[in-house]
Amino acid sequence: MPRTGYGQFCPVAKAAEVFAQKWTPLIARELCFGPKRFSELQTAMPLISRALLAKRLVELQAAGVVDAVEDGGLKRYAFTEAGEALRPIIEHMSAWGQQWGQGRIAEDELDPGMLVWGLLRQIDPADIPREGFAVRFDFRGLPRAHAALRYWWLVLKPNGSDVCRVDPGRAVDLTIGADLRAFVEVWMGHEGLPAAVERKAVTFQGPPQAVANAVRIMRLCDRPHAKTFTFRSRAA
């Protein structure tokens, strides 16, 4: 039988046998935000095949890291206690990537959907105005694979928010027009917002208070900085 591990009792080797498989850290990243259905995991990682995702989930269950739980007739995958202990590793990987991986975003890695869903997951419901807040995004400079995904809506409510691909029928408080790469760089903290606005890579259409609300809610900063991301569910 071929050896599947490293053949060492070293705890680093034992951890790597579970965690250092391709796609496993990204599966763990998604589960940091709460239980997920198979389809939700695949949507978050569109390049993984169904067969490989299923294989990784079986491996993680066998390792005692993930449980498959029934929720309203649907199967969801969730961390066990051992899985929860991986959360600090994900946080440290994010911090390392922020410090040492800046400037390495390839053109085909620019995904508007991942950006808008990422924005939503990092927004604290406590920062959303009581009456709610809606933003329409009009992205430019999309990679060919995402050329049809120009428009997005972020509908924020203190008791539950959502991302929409079609007009949700609610009047928007603000429209943000942006080069996709520029907005990714600003949100990630690689570039300050004023610099992107000055070169018209990011524009705002709406009253000054709405602009101020968006900057505060999305935590867009004036200068480049090592932004810290939260890997916990912020669902209201």
Protein backbone atom coordinates (compact mmCIF):
# COMPACT_ATOMS: atom_id res chain seq x y z
CA MET A 1 0.00 0.00 0.00
CA PRO A 2 1.47 3.42 -0.94
CA ARG A 3 2.38 5.70 1.96
CA THR A 4 0.03 8.68 2.25
CA GLY A 5 1.80 10.55 5.06
CA TYR A 6 5.33 11.69 5.75
CA GLY A 7 6.43 8.63 7.69
CA GLN A 8 7.39 10.71 10.73
CA PHE A 9 5.96 10.97 14.23
CA CYS A 10 6.95 14.65 14.42
CA PRO A 11 3.85 16.72 15.33
CA VAL A 12 4.59 19.11 12.46
CA ALA A 13 4.39 16.17 10.07
CA LYS A 14 1.19 14.93 11.70
CA ALA A 15 -0.44 18.37 11.39
CA ALA A 16 0.73 18.71 7.79
CA GLU A 17 -0.84 15.35 6.89
CA VAL A 18 -4.21 16.86 7.76
CA PHE A 19 -3.83 20.55 6.96
CA ALA A 20 -1.21 20.85 4.21
CA GLN A 21 -3.23 19.16 1.47
CA LYS A 22 -4.16 21.33 -1.51
CA TRP A 23 -7.45 23.18 -0.90
CA THR A 24 -7.70 22.11 2.75
CA PRO A 25 -6.66 25.52 4.17
CA LEU A 26 -9.33 27.20 2.01
CA ILE A 27 -11.97 24.74 3.19
CA ALA A 28 -10.92 25.61 6.74
CA ARG A 29 -11.10 29.32 5.86
CA GLU A 30 -14.72 28.93 4.78
CA LEU A 31 -15.71 26.90 7.86
CA CYS A 32 -14.29 29.65 10.07
CA PHE A 33 -17.38 31.65 9.06
CA GLY A 34 -19.77 28.93 10.17
CA PRO A 35 -21.30 25.67 8.86
CA LYS A 36 -21.47 25.39 5.08
CA ARG A 37 -23.32 23.25 2.57
CA PHE A 38 -21.30 21.42 -0.08
CA SER A 39 -22.58 23.84 -2.75
CA GLU A 40 -21.54 26.85 -0.66
CA LEU A 41 -18.03 25.50 -0.30
CA GLN A 42 -17.79 24.88 -4.03
CA THR A 43 -19.07 28.38 -4.82
CA ALA A 44 -16.36 29.83 -2.59
CA MET A 45 -13.71 27.73 -4.39
CA PRO A 46 -14.91 27.47 -7.99
CA LEU A 47 -11.67 25.90 -9.26
CA ILE A 48 -11.94 22.79 -7.07
CA SER A 49 -13.69 19.81 -8.65
CA ARG A 50 -16.69 18.24 -6.93
CA ALA A 51 -14.78 14.98 -6.62
CA LEU A 52 -11.76 16.56 -4.95
CA LEU A 53 -13.90 18.65 -2.59
CA ALA A 54 -15.81 15.51 -1.56
CA LYS A 55 -12.49 13.69 -1.03
CA ARG A 56 -11.09 16.48 1.14
CA LEU A 57 -14.26 16.61 3.26
CA VAL A 58 -14.11 12.84 3.82
CA GLU A 59 -10.45 13.17 4.84
CA LEU A 60 -11.23 16.00 7.25
CA GLN A 61 -14.08 14.00 8.79
CA ALA A 62 -11.79 10.99 9.18
CA ALA A 63 -9.22 13.24 10.89
CA GLY A 64 -11.87 14.46 13.34
CA VAL A 65 -11.64 18.05 12.08
CA VAL A 66 -15.04 18.33 10.40
CA ASP A 67 -18.50 16.95 11.15
CA ALA A 68 -21.37 16.60 8.69
CA VAL A 69 -24.51 17.76 10.48
CA GLU A 70 -28.14 17.72 9.38
CA ASP A 71 -29.78 21.14 9.41
CA GLY A 72 -33.39 21.35 8.25
CA GLY A 73 -32.94 18.37 5.96
CA LEU A 74 -29.73 19.77 4.50
CA LYS A 75 -26.24 18.50 5.22
CA ARG A 76 -23.83 21.12 6.44
CA TYR A 77 -20.16 20.76 7.24
CA ALA A 78 -18.91 22.30 10.47
CA PHE A 79 -15.79 22.38 12.57
CA THR A 80 -15.35 20.01 15.46
CA GLU A 81 -13.36 21.10 18.50
CA ALA A 82 -10.20 20.07 16.63
CA GLY A 83 -11.31 22.12 13.65
CA GLU A 84 -11.93 25.19 15.79
CA ALA A 85 -8.32 24.90 16.94
CA LEU A 86 -7.27 25.57 13.32
CA ARG A 87 -8.79 29.07 13.40
CA PRO A 88 -5.62 30.76 14.76
CA ILE A 89 -3.62 29.08 11.98
CA ILE A 90 -5.93 30.59 9.35
CA GLU A 91 -5.60 33.99 11.04
CA HIS A 92 -1.80 33.72 11.07
CA MET A 93 -1.77 32.64 7.41
CA SER A 94 -3.87 35.67 6.53
CA ALA A 95 -1.52 37.99 8.43
CA TRP A 96 1.53 36.42 6.76
CA GLY A 97 -0.05 36.76 3.33
CA GLN A 98 -0.87 40.40 4.01
CA GLN A 99 2.70 41.18 5.03
CA TRP A 100 4.60 39.12 2.48
CA GLY A 101 2.16 38.45 -0.35
CA GLN A 102 1.18 42.01 -1.33
CA GLY A 103 1.61 42.82 -5.00
CA ARG A 104 1.24 39.18 -6.05
CA ILE A 105 -2.40 39.29 -7.18
CA ALA A 106 -2.56 37.89 -10.71
CA GLU A 107 -5.08 39.16 -13.25
CA ASP A 108 -7.04 35.88 -13.26
CA GLU A 109 -7.32 36.01 -9.45
CA LEU A 110 -9.43 39.19 -9.56
CA ASP A 111 -12.95 37.93 -8.84
CA PRO A 112 -15.69 40.54 -8.21
CA GLY A 113 -17.93 38.02 -6.49
CA MET A 114 -15.22 36.99 -4.06
CA LEU A 115 -14.56 40.67 -3.36
CA VAL A 116 -18.18 41.60 -2.59
CA TRP A 117 -18.79 38.46 -0.49
CA GLY A 118 -15.50 39.16 1.29
CA LEU A 119 -16.66 42.69 2.02
CA LEU A 120 -19.90 41.38 3.51
CA ARG A 121 -18.14 38.84 5.74
CA GLN A 122 -15.87 41.50 7.23
CA ILE A 123 -18.64 44.02 7.98
CA ASP A 124 -19.69 44.29 11.60
CA PRO A 125 -23.52 44.50 11.89
CA ALA A 126 -23.01 47.06 14.67
CA ASP A 127 -21.59 49.47 12.06
CA ILE A 128 -24.68 49.36 9.83
CA PRO A 129 -27.16 52.26 10.21
CA ARG A 130 -30.47 51.29 11.79
CA GLU A 131 -32.33 52.08 8.56
CA GLY A 132 -29.97 49.91 6.54
CA PHE A 133 -27.55 50.82 3.79
CA ALA A 134 -27.41 49.73 0.14
CA VAL A 135 -24.46 50.04 -2.22
CA ARG A 136 -24.34 49.37 -5.96
CA PHE A 137 -20.97 48.44 -7.45
CA ASP A 138 -20.07 49.12 -11.07
CA PHE A 139 -16.74 47.40 -11.72
CA ARG A 140 -14.40 48.02 -14.63
CA GLY A 141 -11.32 46.18 -15.77
CA LEU A 142 -12.70 42.71 -15.08
CA PRO A 143 -10.81 39.62 -16.28
CA ARG A 144 -12.37 38.00 -19.32
CA ALA A 145 -13.71 35.10 -17.23
CA HIS A 146 -15.74 37.55 -15.12
CA ALA A 147 -16.56 40.14 -17.79
CA ALA A 148 -20.32 39.67 -17.34
CA LEU A 149 -20.14 40.22 -13.56
CA ARG A 150 -19.87 44.00 -13.64
CA TYR A 151 -22.79 44.99 -11.40
CA TRP A 152 -23.29 43.95 -7.78
CA TRP A 153 -25.46 45.13 -4.90
CA LEU A 154 -24.58 44.99 -1.23
CA VAL A 155 -27.74 45.33 0.87
CA LEU A 156 -26.88 45.82 4.51
CA LYS A 157 -29.29 45.55 7.44
CA PRO A 158 -28.47 45.28 11.15
CA ASN A 159 -30.52 42.07 11.33
CA GLY A 160 -29.26 40.43 8.15
CA SER A 161 -27.41 41.48 4.99
CA ASP A 162 -27.02 40.05 1.51
CA VAL A 163 -25.16 40.24 -1.79
CA CYS A 164 -27.26 40.52 -4.96
CA ARG A 165 -26.35 39.96 -8.59
CA VAL A 166 -29.55 41.60 -9.86
CA ASP A 167 -31.20 44.81 -8.74
CA PRO A 168 -32.91 43.99 -5.41
CA GLY A 169 -35.48 46.74 -5.96
CA ARG A 170 -34.24 48.87 -3.08
CA ALA A 171 -33.07 52.42 -3.67
CA VAL A 172 -29.31 52.56 -3.26
CA ASP A 173 -27.64 55.00 -0.91
CA LEU A 174 -24.41 55.01 -2.91
CA THR A 175 -22.97 53.83 -6.21
CA ILE A 176 -19.30 52.92 -6.31
CA GLY A 177 -17.61 52.82 -9.69
CA ALA A 178 -14.20 51.22 -9.59
CA ASP A 179 -11.47 49.47 -11.43
CA LEU A 180 -11.67 46.00 -9.89
CA ARG A 181 -7.97 45.73 -9.13
CA ALA A 182 -7.92 49.19 -7.58
CA PHE A 183 -10.81 48.46 -5.24
CA VAL A 184 -9.29 45.11 -4.25
CA GLU A 185 -6.01 46.88 -3.45
CA VAL A 186 -7.77 49.56 -1.39
CA TRP A 187 -9.91 47.07 0.53
CA MET A 188 -6.94 44.83 1.19
CA GLY A 189 -5.00 47.81 2.54
CA HIS A 190 -2.37 47.74 -0.22
CA GLU A 191 -3.32 51.27 -1.37
CA GLY A 192 -4.92 54.22 0.37
CA LEU A 193 -8.40 55.30 -0.77
CA PRO A 194 -7.50 58.96 -1.52
CA ALA A 195 -4.80 57.88 -3.99
CA ALA A 196 -7.27 55.65 -5.86
CA VAL A 197 -9.90 58.41 -5.88
CA GLU A 198 -7.39 61.00 -7.12
CA ARG A 199 -6.56 58.91 -10.18
CA LYS A 200 -10.28 58.16 -10.65
CA ALA A 201 -9.77 54.43 -10.18
CA VAL A 202 -12.54 54.61 -7.54
CA THR A 203 -15.49 57.01 -7.77
CA PHE A 204 -18.54 57.63 -5.58
CA GLN A 205 -22.00 58.76 -6.64
CA GLY A 206 -24.06 59.79 -3.65
CA PRO A 207 -24.25 62.31 -0.82
CA PRO A 208 -21.15 62.93 1.31
CA GLN A 209 -22.73 61.22 4.33
CA ALA A 210 -23.33 58.06 2.30
CA VAL A 211 -19.69 58.10 1.17
CA ALA A 212 -18.58 58.53 4.78
CA ASN A 213 -20.84 55.65 5.85
CA ALA A 214 -19.42 53.34 3.18
CA VAL A 215 -15.83 54.20 4.05
CA ARG A 216 -16.54 53.54 7.73
CA ILE A 217 -18.56 50.35 7.23
CA MET A 218 -16.05 48.83 4.77
CA ARG A 219 -13.09 50.18 6.74
CA LEU A 220 -11.38 51.74 3.77
CA CYS A 221 -8.30 53.59 4.96
CA ASP A 222 -6.43 56.69 3.81
CA ARG A 223 -3.02 55.02 3.69
CA PRO A 224 -1.62 51.57 2.92
CA HIS A 225 -1.58 49.41 6.02
CA ALA A 226 -1.42 45.79 7.15
CA LYS A 227 -5.15 45.16 7.35
CA THR A 228 -6.32 42.47 9.74
CA PHE A 229 -9.15 40.20 8.62
CA THR A 230 -11.64 38.52 10.92
CA PHE A 231 -12.37 34.81 10.47
CA ARG A 232 -15.51 34.53 12.55
CA SER A 233 -19.18 34.68 11.69
CA ARG A 234 -20.63 38.13 12.13
CA ALA A 235 -24.18 37.15 11.31
CA ALA A 236 -26.71 39.14 13.31
